[in-house]
Amino acid sequence: MVKKQASRNSKKSELLRIAEYLVSGGAYFWSGYIVFFICDQLIGLNLFWAKLLANIIGWTVNYLLQRYWVFNNKQLSKYKTKVTGRYIFITLVNFGLDYLIVNFLKNNGLTPYIGQFVASGLFTVWNYFWYKLWVFPENTSKLKKKKRKK
């Protein structure tokens, strides 16, 4: 009976985490989308620079929400440099993939505004697993430095 209750609670907390992740991902997407529109339509920057500036704003919003709300783990504060480094790494990979996707779709007749929605669908699932298992892991032993054998 106790195991069944614990399992139900962990499923409920995981569903709550997914809901929080989707809300914070929405904040990332819309903040970046608005900045992209401003940089593209009002300032007239080319696609690369508009995407880069939009993503810098979105990444900042996303990091703060993911780290301190969705994947909040007090033990991670001991590993700020490693967690931040991992976040920056996956974010740079994401930026490269996002730019390639949006640029490819643009060159094939799809507006970048729609392309961003297409790319965000991929990144919604992709990032959840990276964040949960690697960037902000619950098990902080995955963040500890391995001792070298001499």
N, C-alpha and C. Protein backbone atom coordinates (compact mmCIF):
# COMPACT_ATOMS: atom_id res chain seq x y z
N MET A 1 0.82 -1.20 0.00
CA MET A 1 0.00 0.00 0.00
C MET A 1 0.86 1.26 0.00
N VAL A 2 1.92 1.27 0.82
CA VAL A 2 2.80 2.44 0.89
C VAL A 2 3.54 2.62 -0.43
N LYS A 3 4.00 1.49 -1.04
CA LYS A 3 4.68 1.57 -2.32
C LYS A 3 3.77 2.12 -3.41
N LYS A 4 2.52 1.69 -3.38
CA LYS A 4 1.55 2.15 -4.37
C LYS A 4 1.33 3.66 -4.24
N GLN A 5 1.23 4.15 -3.01
CA GLN A 5 1.05 5.58 -2.76
C GLN A 5 2.27 6.37 -3.21
N ALA A 6 3.48 5.85 -2.92
CA ALA A 6 4.72 6.53 -3.32
C ALA A 6 4.81 6.60 -4.85
N SER A 7 4.43 5.52 -5.52
CA SER A 7 4.44 5.49 -6.97
C SER A 7 3.47 6.51 -7.54
N ARG A 8 2.29 6.61 -6.94
CA ARG A 8 1.29 7.58 -7.39
C ARG A 8 1.79 9.01 -7.19
N ASN A 9 2.44 9.25 -6.03
CA ASN A 9 2.98 10.59 -5.75
C ASN A 9 4.11 10.95 -6.72
N SER A 10 4.96 9.97 -7.05
CA SER A 10 6.06 10.28 -7.97
C SER A 10 5.52 10.54 -9.38
N LYS A 11 4.47 9.82 -9.79
CA LYS A 11 3.85 10.08 -11.09
C LYS A 11 3.22 11.46 -11.11
N LYS A 12 2.56 11.82 -10.00
CA LYS A 12 1.93 13.14 -9.91
C LYS A 12 3.00 14.23 -9.94
N SER A 13 4.11 14.05 -9.22
CA SER A 13 5.15 15.07 -9.21
C SER A 13 5.83 15.16 -10.58
N GLU A 14 5.95 14.04 -11.29
CA GLU A 14 6.53 14.09 -12.62
C GLU A 14 5.59 14.82 -13.59
N LEU A 15 4.31 14.59 -13.47
CA LEU A 15 3.34 15.31 -14.31
C LEU A 15 3.37 16.80 -14.00
N LEU A 16 3.51 17.15 -12.73
CA LEU A 16 3.63 18.56 -12.34
C LEU A 16 4.90 19.17 -12.94
N ARG A 17 6.00 18.42 -12.88
CA ARG A 17 7.26 18.91 -13.44
C ARG A 17 7.12 19.13 -14.95
N ILE A 18 6.45 18.21 -15.64
CA ILE A 18 6.25 18.37 -17.08
C ILE A 18 5.41 19.61 -17.36
N ALA A 19 4.38 19.84 -16.56
CA ALA A 19 3.54 21.04 -16.73
C ALA A 19 4.37 22.30 -16.51
N GLU A 20 5.19 22.32 -15.46
CA GLU A 20 6.06 23.47 -15.19
C GLU A 20 7.06 23.67 -16.34
N TYR A 21 7.59 22.56 -16.84
CA TYR A 21 8.53 22.62 -17.96
C TYR A 21 7.87 23.24 -19.19
N LEU A 22 6.64 22.85 -19.45
CA LEU A 22 5.92 23.40 -20.61
C LEU A 22 5.62 24.89 -20.43
N VAL A 23 5.27 25.30 -19.22
CA VAL A 23 5.03 26.72 -18.96
C VAL A 23 6.32 27.52 -19.14
N SER A 24 7.41 27.03 -18.56
CA SER A 24 8.68 27.77 -18.68
C SER A 24 9.20 27.73 -20.11
N GLY A 25 8.98 26.62 -20.81
CA GLY A 25 9.33 26.56 -22.22
C GLY A 25 8.53 27.55 -23.04
N GLY A 26 7.26 27.73 -22.67
CA GLY A 26 6.43 28.73 -23.34
C GLY A 26 6.97 30.13 -23.11
N ALA A 27 7.42 30.40 -21.88
CA ALA A 27 8.01 31.71 -21.58
C ALA A 27 9.27 31.93 -22.42
N TYR A 28 10.08 30.88 -22.56
CA TYR A 28 11.28 30.96 -23.39
C TYR A 28 10.89 31.22 -24.85
N PHE A 29 9.95 30.44 -25.36
CA PHE A 29 9.57 30.55 -26.76
C PHE A 29 9.01 31.94 -27.07
N TRP A 30 8.05 32.39 -26.27
CA TRP A 30 7.39 33.66 -26.59
C TRP A 30 8.31 34.86 -26.38
N SER A 31 9.17 34.82 -25.36
CA SER A 31 10.10 35.94 -25.19
C SER A 31 11.06 35.99 -26.38
N GLY A 32 11.56 34.83 -26.80
CA GLY A 32 12.44 34.78 -27.96
C GLY A 32 11.72 35.15 -29.25
N TYR A 33 10.47 34.71 -29.38
CA TYR A 33 9.69 34.97 -30.59
C TYR A 33 9.45 36.47 -30.76
N ILE A 34 9.14 37.14 -29.67
CA ILE A 34 8.90 38.59 -29.71
C ILE A 34 10.20 39.33 -30.06
N VAL A 35 11.30 38.93 -29.44
CA VAL A 35 12.59 39.57 -29.75
C VAL A 35 12.97 39.29 -31.20
N PHE A 36 12.71 38.08 -31.69
CA PHE A 36 12.99 37.75 -33.09
C PHE A 36 12.19 38.66 -34.02
N PHE A 37 10.92 38.84 -33.74
CA PHE A 37 10.08 39.71 -34.57
C PHE A 37 10.64 41.13 -34.58
N ILE A 38 11.00 41.64 -33.42
CA ILE A 38 11.54 43.01 -33.32
C ILE A 38 12.85 43.13 -34.12
N CYS A 39 13.74 42.15 -33.93
CA CYS A 39 15.03 42.20 -34.63
C CYS A 39 14.87 42.02 -36.14
N ASP A 40 13.94 41.17 -36.54
CA ASP A 40 13.75 40.88 -37.95
C ASP A 40 12.94 41.97 -38.65
N GLN A 41 11.79 42.29 -38.14
CA GLN A 41 10.87 43.20 -38.82
C GLN A 41 11.13 44.67 -38.53
N LEU A 42 11.44 45.01 -37.29
CA LEU A 42 11.59 46.42 -36.94
C LEU A 42 13.02 46.93 -37.10
N ILE A 43 14.00 46.08 -36.75
CA ILE A 43 15.40 46.51 -36.86
C ILE A 43 15.99 46.09 -38.20
N GLY A 44 15.52 44.98 -38.76
CA GLY A 44 15.98 44.52 -40.07
C GLY A 44 17.26 43.71 -40.05
N LEU A 45 17.55 43.02 -38.93
CA LEU A 45 18.74 42.18 -38.87
C LEU A 45 18.55 40.94 -39.74
N ASN A 46 19.68 40.36 -40.19
CA ASN A 46 19.56 39.13 -40.96
C ASN A 46 19.16 37.98 -40.02
N LEU A 47 18.79 36.85 -40.61
CA LEU A 47 18.25 35.73 -39.84
C LEU A 47 19.16 35.29 -38.70
N PHE A 48 20.46 35.14 -38.98
CA PHE A 48 21.37 34.66 -37.96
C PHE A 48 21.38 35.56 -36.73
N TRP A 49 21.55 36.87 -36.94
CA TRP A 49 21.66 37.80 -35.81
C TRP A 49 20.32 37.96 -35.09
N ALA A 50 19.25 37.95 -35.83
CA ALA A 50 17.93 38.04 -35.20
C ALA A 50 17.67 36.81 -34.33
N LYS A 51 18.02 35.62 -34.85
CA LYS A 51 17.85 34.39 -34.08
C LYS A 51 18.76 34.39 -32.85
N LEU A 52 20.00 34.84 -33.03
CA LEU A 52 20.95 34.84 -31.92
C LEU A 52 20.47 35.75 -30.78
N LEU A 53 20.10 36.97 -31.10
CA LEU A 53 19.63 37.89 -30.06
C LEU A 53 18.35 37.39 -29.39
N ALA A 54 17.45 36.85 -30.19
CA ALA A 54 16.21 36.30 -29.63
C ALA A 54 16.51 35.14 -28.69
N ASN A 55 17.45 34.30 -29.10
CA ASN A 55 17.78 33.15 -28.26
C ASN A 55 18.51 33.55 -26.99
N ILE A 56 19.33 34.56 -27.03
CA ILE A 56 20.01 35.00 -25.80
C ILE A 56 18.98 35.41 -24.75
N ILE A 57 17.98 36.16 -25.16
CA ILE A 57 16.91 36.54 -24.23
C ILE A 57 16.15 35.29 -23.77
N GLY A 58 15.76 34.46 -24.70
CA GLY A 58 15.03 33.23 -24.37
C GLY A 58 15.84 32.29 -23.48
N TRP A 59 17.14 32.14 -23.77
CA TRP A 59 17.99 31.26 -22.96
C TRP A 59 18.06 31.73 -21.51
N THR A 60 18.15 33.02 -21.34
CA THR A 60 18.23 33.57 -19.98
C THR A 60 16.95 33.27 -19.22
N VAL A 61 15.82 33.55 -19.83
CA VAL A 61 14.53 33.25 -19.20
C VAL A 61 14.43 31.75 -18.91
N ASN A 62 14.79 30.96 -19.90
CA ASN A 62 14.68 29.50 -19.77
C ASN A 62 15.57 28.95 -18.66
N TYR A 63 16.83 29.38 -18.63
CA TYR A 63 17.75 28.88 -17.61
C TYR A 63 17.22 29.16 -16.21
N LEU A 64 16.81 30.38 -15.98
CA LEU A 64 16.33 30.75 -14.65
C LEU A 64 15.10 29.94 -14.24
N LEU A 65 14.17 29.77 -15.16
CA LEU A 65 12.96 29.01 -14.84
C LEU A 65 13.25 27.51 -14.69
N GLN A 66 14.06 26.95 -15.58
CA GLN A 66 14.36 25.52 -15.50
C GLN A 66 15.17 25.20 -14.24
N ARG A 67 16.19 25.99 -13.98
CA ARG A 67 17.10 25.71 -12.86
C ARG A 67 16.42 25.95 -11.50
N TYR A 68 15.69 27.05 -11.36
CA TYR A 68 15.18 27.42 -10.05
C TYR A 68 13.71 27.10 -9.83
N TRP A 69 13.03 26.59 -10.84
CA TRP A 69 11.62 26.24 -10.66
C TRP A 69 11.37 24.79 -11.05
N VAL A 70 11.58 24.44 -12.30
CA VAL A 70 11.23 23.11 -12.79
C VAL A 70 12.13 22.03 -12.20
N PHE A 71 13.43 22.21 -12.32
CA PHE A 71 14.38 21.21 -11.84
C PHE A 71 15.10 21.72 -10.59
N ASN A 72 14.35 22.36 -9.72
CA ASN A 72 14.92 22.93 -8.51
C ASN A 72 15.42 21.81 -7.59
N ASN A 73 16.70 21.82 -7.37
CA ASN A 73 17.33 20.84 -6.50
C ASN A 73 18.41 21.58 -5.73
N LYS A 74 18.24 21.70 -4.44
CA LYS A 74 19.17 22.49 -3.63
C LYS A 74 20.61 21.97 -3.74
N GLN A 75 20.76 20.68 -3.99
CA GLN A 75 22.11 20.11 -4.13
C GLN A 75 22.85 20.62 -5.36
N LEU A 76 22.10 21.09 -6.36
CA LEU A 76 22.74 21.60 -7.57
C LEU A 76 23.54 22.87 -7.31
N SER A 77 23.24 23.57 -6.23
CA SER A 77 23.97 24.82 -5.95
C SER A 77 25.46 24.55 -5.73
N LYS A 78 25.82 23.33 -5.37
CA LYS A 78 27.23 22.97 -5.20
C LYS A 78 27.93 22.82 -6.56
N TYR A 79 27.16 22.71 -7.61
CA TYR A 79 27.71 22.42 -8.94
C TYR A 79 27.31 23.48 -9.96
N LYS A 80 27.22 24.74 -9.53
CA LYS A 80 26.75 25.82 -10.42
C LYS A 80 27.56 25.90 -11.71
N THR A 81 28.87 25.80 -11.61
CA THR A 81 29.71 25.93 -12.79
C THR A 81 29.46 24.78 -13.76
N LYS A 82 29.38 23.57 -13.25
CA LYS A 82 29.16 22.41 -14.10
C LYS A 82 27.76 22.44 -14.73
N VAL A 83 26.75 22.77 -13.93
CA VAL A 83 25.37 22.84 -14.44
C VAL A 83 25.27 23.93 -15.51
N THR A 84 25.83 25.09 -15.23
CA THR A 84 25.79 26.20 -16.19
C THR A 84 26.55 25.83 -17.46
N GLY A 85 27.69 25.18 -17.32
CA GLY A 85 28.46 24.74 -18.48
C GLY A 85 27.69 23.75 -19.34
N ARG A 86 27.01 22.82 -18.69
CA ARG A 86 26.19 21.86 -19.42
C ARG A 86 25.02 22.55 -20.12
N TYR A 87 24.42 23.51 -19.43
CA TYR A 87 23.32 24.24 -20.04
C TYR A 87 23.80 25.02 -21.26
N ILE A 88 24.94 25.67 -21.14
CA ILE A 88 25.49 26.43 -22.27
C ILE A 88 25.80 25.48 -23.43
N PHE A 89 26.38 24.33 -23.13
CA PHE A 89 26.71 23.37 -24.19
C PHE A 89 25.46 22.93 -24.94
N ILE A 90 24.45 22.46 -24.22
CA ILE A 90 23.24 21.96 -24.89
C ILE A 90 22.53 23.11 -25.61
N THR A 91 22.61 24.31 -25.06
CA THR A 91 21.99 25.47 -25.68
C THR A 91 22.68 25.82 -27.00
N LEU A 92 23.99 25.73 -27.04
CA LEU A 92 24.71 26.01 -28.29
C LEU A 92 24.41 24.95 -29.35
N VAL A 93 24.33 23.70 -28.94
CA VAL A 93 23.93 22.63 -29.86
C VAL A 93 22.53 22.93 -30.39
N ASN A 94 21.62 23.29 -29.47
CA ASN A 94 20.25 23.61 -29.87
C ASN A 94 20.20 24.79 -30.83
N PHE A 95 21.02 25.81 -30.57
CA PHE A 95 21.02 26.98 -31.45
C PHE A 95 21.43 26.59 -32.86
N GLY A 96 22.48 25.79 -32.96
CA GLY A 96 22.93 25.34 -34.28
C GLY A 96 21.85 24.56 -35.00
N LEU A 97 21.23 23.63 -34.31
CA LEU A 97 20.15 22.83 -34.91
C LEU A 97 18.96 23.71 -35.27
N ASP A 98 18.59 24.61 -34.37
CA ASP A 98 17.46 25.50 -34.61
C ASP A 98 17.70 26.38 -35.83
N TYR A 99 18.88 26.95 -35.91
CA TYR A 99 19.21 27.80 -37.05
C TYR A 99 19.14 27.01 -38.35
N LEU A 100 19.69 25.80 -38.34
CA LEU A 100 19.66 24.97 -39.55
C LEU A 100 18.23 24.63 -39.95
N ILE A 101 17.40 24.28 -38.98
CA ILE A 101 16.01 23.93 -39.27
C ILE A 101 15.26 25.14 -39.84
N VAL A 102 15.33 26.26 -39.13
CA VAL A 102 14.59 27.45 -39.55
C VAL A 102 15.11 27.97 -40.90
N ASN A 103 16.42 27.97 -41.08
CA ASN A 103 16.99 28.43 -42.34
C ASN A 103 16.59 27.50 -43.49
N PHE A 104 16.64 26.20 -43.26
CA PHE A 104 16.23 25.23 -44.28
C PHE A 104 14.77 25.45 -44.67
N LEU A 105 13.92 25.60 -43.67
CA LEU A 105 12.50 25.82 -43.96
C LEU A 105 12.28 27.15 -44.69
N LYS A 106 13.03 28.18 -44.29
CA LYS A 106 12.92 29.48 -44.95
C LYS A 106 13.32 29.37 -46.42
N ASN A 107 14.43 28.67 -46.69
CA ASN A 107 14.90 28.50 -48.06
C ASN A 107 13.96 27.64 -48.91
N ASN A 108 13.06 26.93 -48.25
CA ASN A 108 12.09 26.10 -48.96
C ASN A 108 10.68 26.69 -48.89
N GLY A 109 10.63 28.01 -48.65
CA GLY A 109 9.37 28.73 -48.78
C GLY A 109 8.52 28.88 -47.53
N LEU A 110 9.01 28.43 -46.39
CA LEU A 110 8.23 28.56 -45.16
C LEU A 110 8.78 29.72 -44.34
N THR A 111 7.93 30.63 -43.95
CA THR A 111 8.37 31.78 -43.17
C THR A 111 9.07 31.34 -41.88
N PRO A 112 10.11 32.07 -41.45
CA PRO A 112 10.80 31.71 -40.21
C PRO A 112 9.89 31.75 -38.98
N TYR A 113 8.82 32.51 -39.08
CA TYR A 113 7.89 32.59 -37.94
C TYR A 113 7.18 31.25 -37.74
N ILE A 114 6.85 30.58 -38.83
CA ILE A 114 6.27 29.24 -38.74
C ILE A 114 7.37 28.23 -38.43
N GLY A 115 8.55 28.43 -39.03
CA GLY A 115 9.69 27.55 -38.79
C GLY A 115 10.06 27.44 -37.32
N GLN A 116 9.91 28.54 -36.60
CA GLN A 116 10.22 28.50 -35.16
C GLN A 116 9.25 27.59 -34.42
N PHE A 117 8.00 27.56 -34.83
CA PHE A 117 7.04 26.65 -34.21
C PHE A 117 7.41 25.19 -34.50
N VAL A 118 7.82 24.93 -35.73
CA VAL A 118 8.21 23.58 -36.12
C VAL A 118 9.41 23.13 -35.28
N ALA A 119 10.43 23.98 -35.21
CA ALA A 119 11.64 23.64 -34.45
C ALA A 119 11.33 23.47 -32.97
N SER A 120 10.46 24.30 -32.43
CA SER A 120 10.18 24.23 -31.00
C SER A 120 9.51 22.91 -30.62
N GLY A 121 8.75 22.32 -31.53
CA GLY A 121 8.16 21.01 -31.26
C GLY A 121 9.23 19.96 -31.01
N LEU A 122 10.27 19.96 -31.82
CA LEU A 122 11.39 19.04 -31.63
C LEU A 122 12.08 19.31 -30.29
N PHE A 123 12.38 20.56 -30.02
CA PHE A 123 13.15 20.90 -28.83
C PHE A 123 12.37 20.72 -27.53
N THR A 124 11.06 20.75 -27.59
CA THR A 124 10.27 20.54 -26.38
C THR A 124 10.56 19.17 -25.78
N VAL A 125 10.54 18.15 -26.60
CA VAL A 125 10.80 16.78 -26.12
C VAL A 125 12.30 16.58 -25.89
N TRP A 126 13.10 16.96 -26.83
CA TRP A 126 14.56 16.80 -26.79
C TRP A 126 15.15 17.40 -25.51
N ASN A 127 14.79 18.65 -25.21
CA ASN A 127 15.37 19.33 -24.06
C ASN A 127 14.89 18.77 -22.73
N TYR A 128 13.65 18.32 -22.67
CA TYR A 128 13.16 17.79 -21.40
C TYR A 128 14.07 16.66 -20.92
N PHE A 129 14.40 15.76 -21.79
CA PHE A 129 15.25 14.63 -21.39
C PHE A 129 16.68 15.07 -21.09
N TRP A 130 17.23 15.97 -21.89
CA TRP A 130 18.58 16.47 -21.61
C TRP A 130 18.63 17.20 -20.27
N TYR A 131 17.65 18.06 -20.02
CA TYR A 131 17.63 18.81 -18.76
C TYR A 131 17.48 17.87 -17.57
N LYS A 132 16.52 16.98 -17.66
CA LYS A 132 16.22 16.09 -16.54
C LYS A 132 17.38 15.13 -16.23
N LEU A 133 17.97 14.56 -17.26
CA LEU A 133 18.96 13.52 -17.04
C LEU A 133 20.40 14.01 -16.99
N TRP A 134 20.69 15.15 -17.62
CA TRP A 134 22.10 15.55 -17.72
C TRP A 134 22.38 16.95 -17.19
N VAL A 135 21.60 17.93 -17.55
CA VAL A 135 21.90 19.31 -17.16
C VAL A 135 21.55 19.56 -15.69
N PHE A 136 20.33 19.20 -15.29
CA PHE A 136 19.85 19.43 -13.92
C PHE A 136 19.46 18.09 -13.26
N PRO A 137 20.37 17.12 -13.17
CA PRO A 137 19.97 15.79 -12.69
C PRO A 137 19.59 15.81 -11.20
N GLU A 138 18.62 14.98 -10.85
CA GLU A 138 18.26 14.83 -9.44
C GLU A 138 19.39 14.14 -8.69
N ASN A 139 20.02 13.19 -9.34
CA ASN A 139 21.13 12.45 -8.74
C ASN A 139 22.41 13.22 -9.03
N THR A 140 22.88 13.98 -8.04
CA THR A 140 24.04 14.85 -8.26
C THR A 140 25.35 14.07 -8.34
N SER A 141 25.32 12.78 -8.09
CA SER A 141 26.55 12.01 -8.24
C SER A 141 27.02 12.03 -9.70
N LYS A 142 26.09 12.30 -10.62
CA LYS A 142 26.44 12.41 -12.04
C LYS A 142 27.23 13.69 -12.32
N LEU A 143 27.24 14.61 -11.37
CA LEU A 143 27.96 15.87 -11.54
C LEU A 143 29.32 15.87 -10.86
N LYS A 144 29.54 14.92 -9.96
CA LYS A 144 30.79 14.89 -9.21
C LYS A 144 31.95 14.55 -10.12
N LYS A 145 33.08 15.16 -9.81
CA LYS A 145 34.29 14.87 -10.58
C LYS A 145 34.74 13.45 -10.26
N LYS A 146 35.14 12.77 -11.30
CA LYS A 146 35.68 11.42 -11.10
C LYS A 146 37.13 11.54 -10.71
N LYS A 147 37.50 10.78 -9.71
CA LYS A 147 38.89 10.81 -9.26
C LYS A 147 39.73 9.99 -10.24
N ARG A 148 40.87 10.57 -10.57
CA ARG A 148 41.79 9.88 -11.49
C ARG A 148 42.63 8.88 -10.72
N LYS A 149 42.81 7.75 -11.32
CA LYS A 149 43.70 6.75 -10.72
C LYS A 149 45.12 7.02 -11.22
N LYS A 150 46.05 6.95 -10.30
CA LYS A 150 47.44 7.21 -10.67
C LYS A 150 48.16 5.93 -10.98
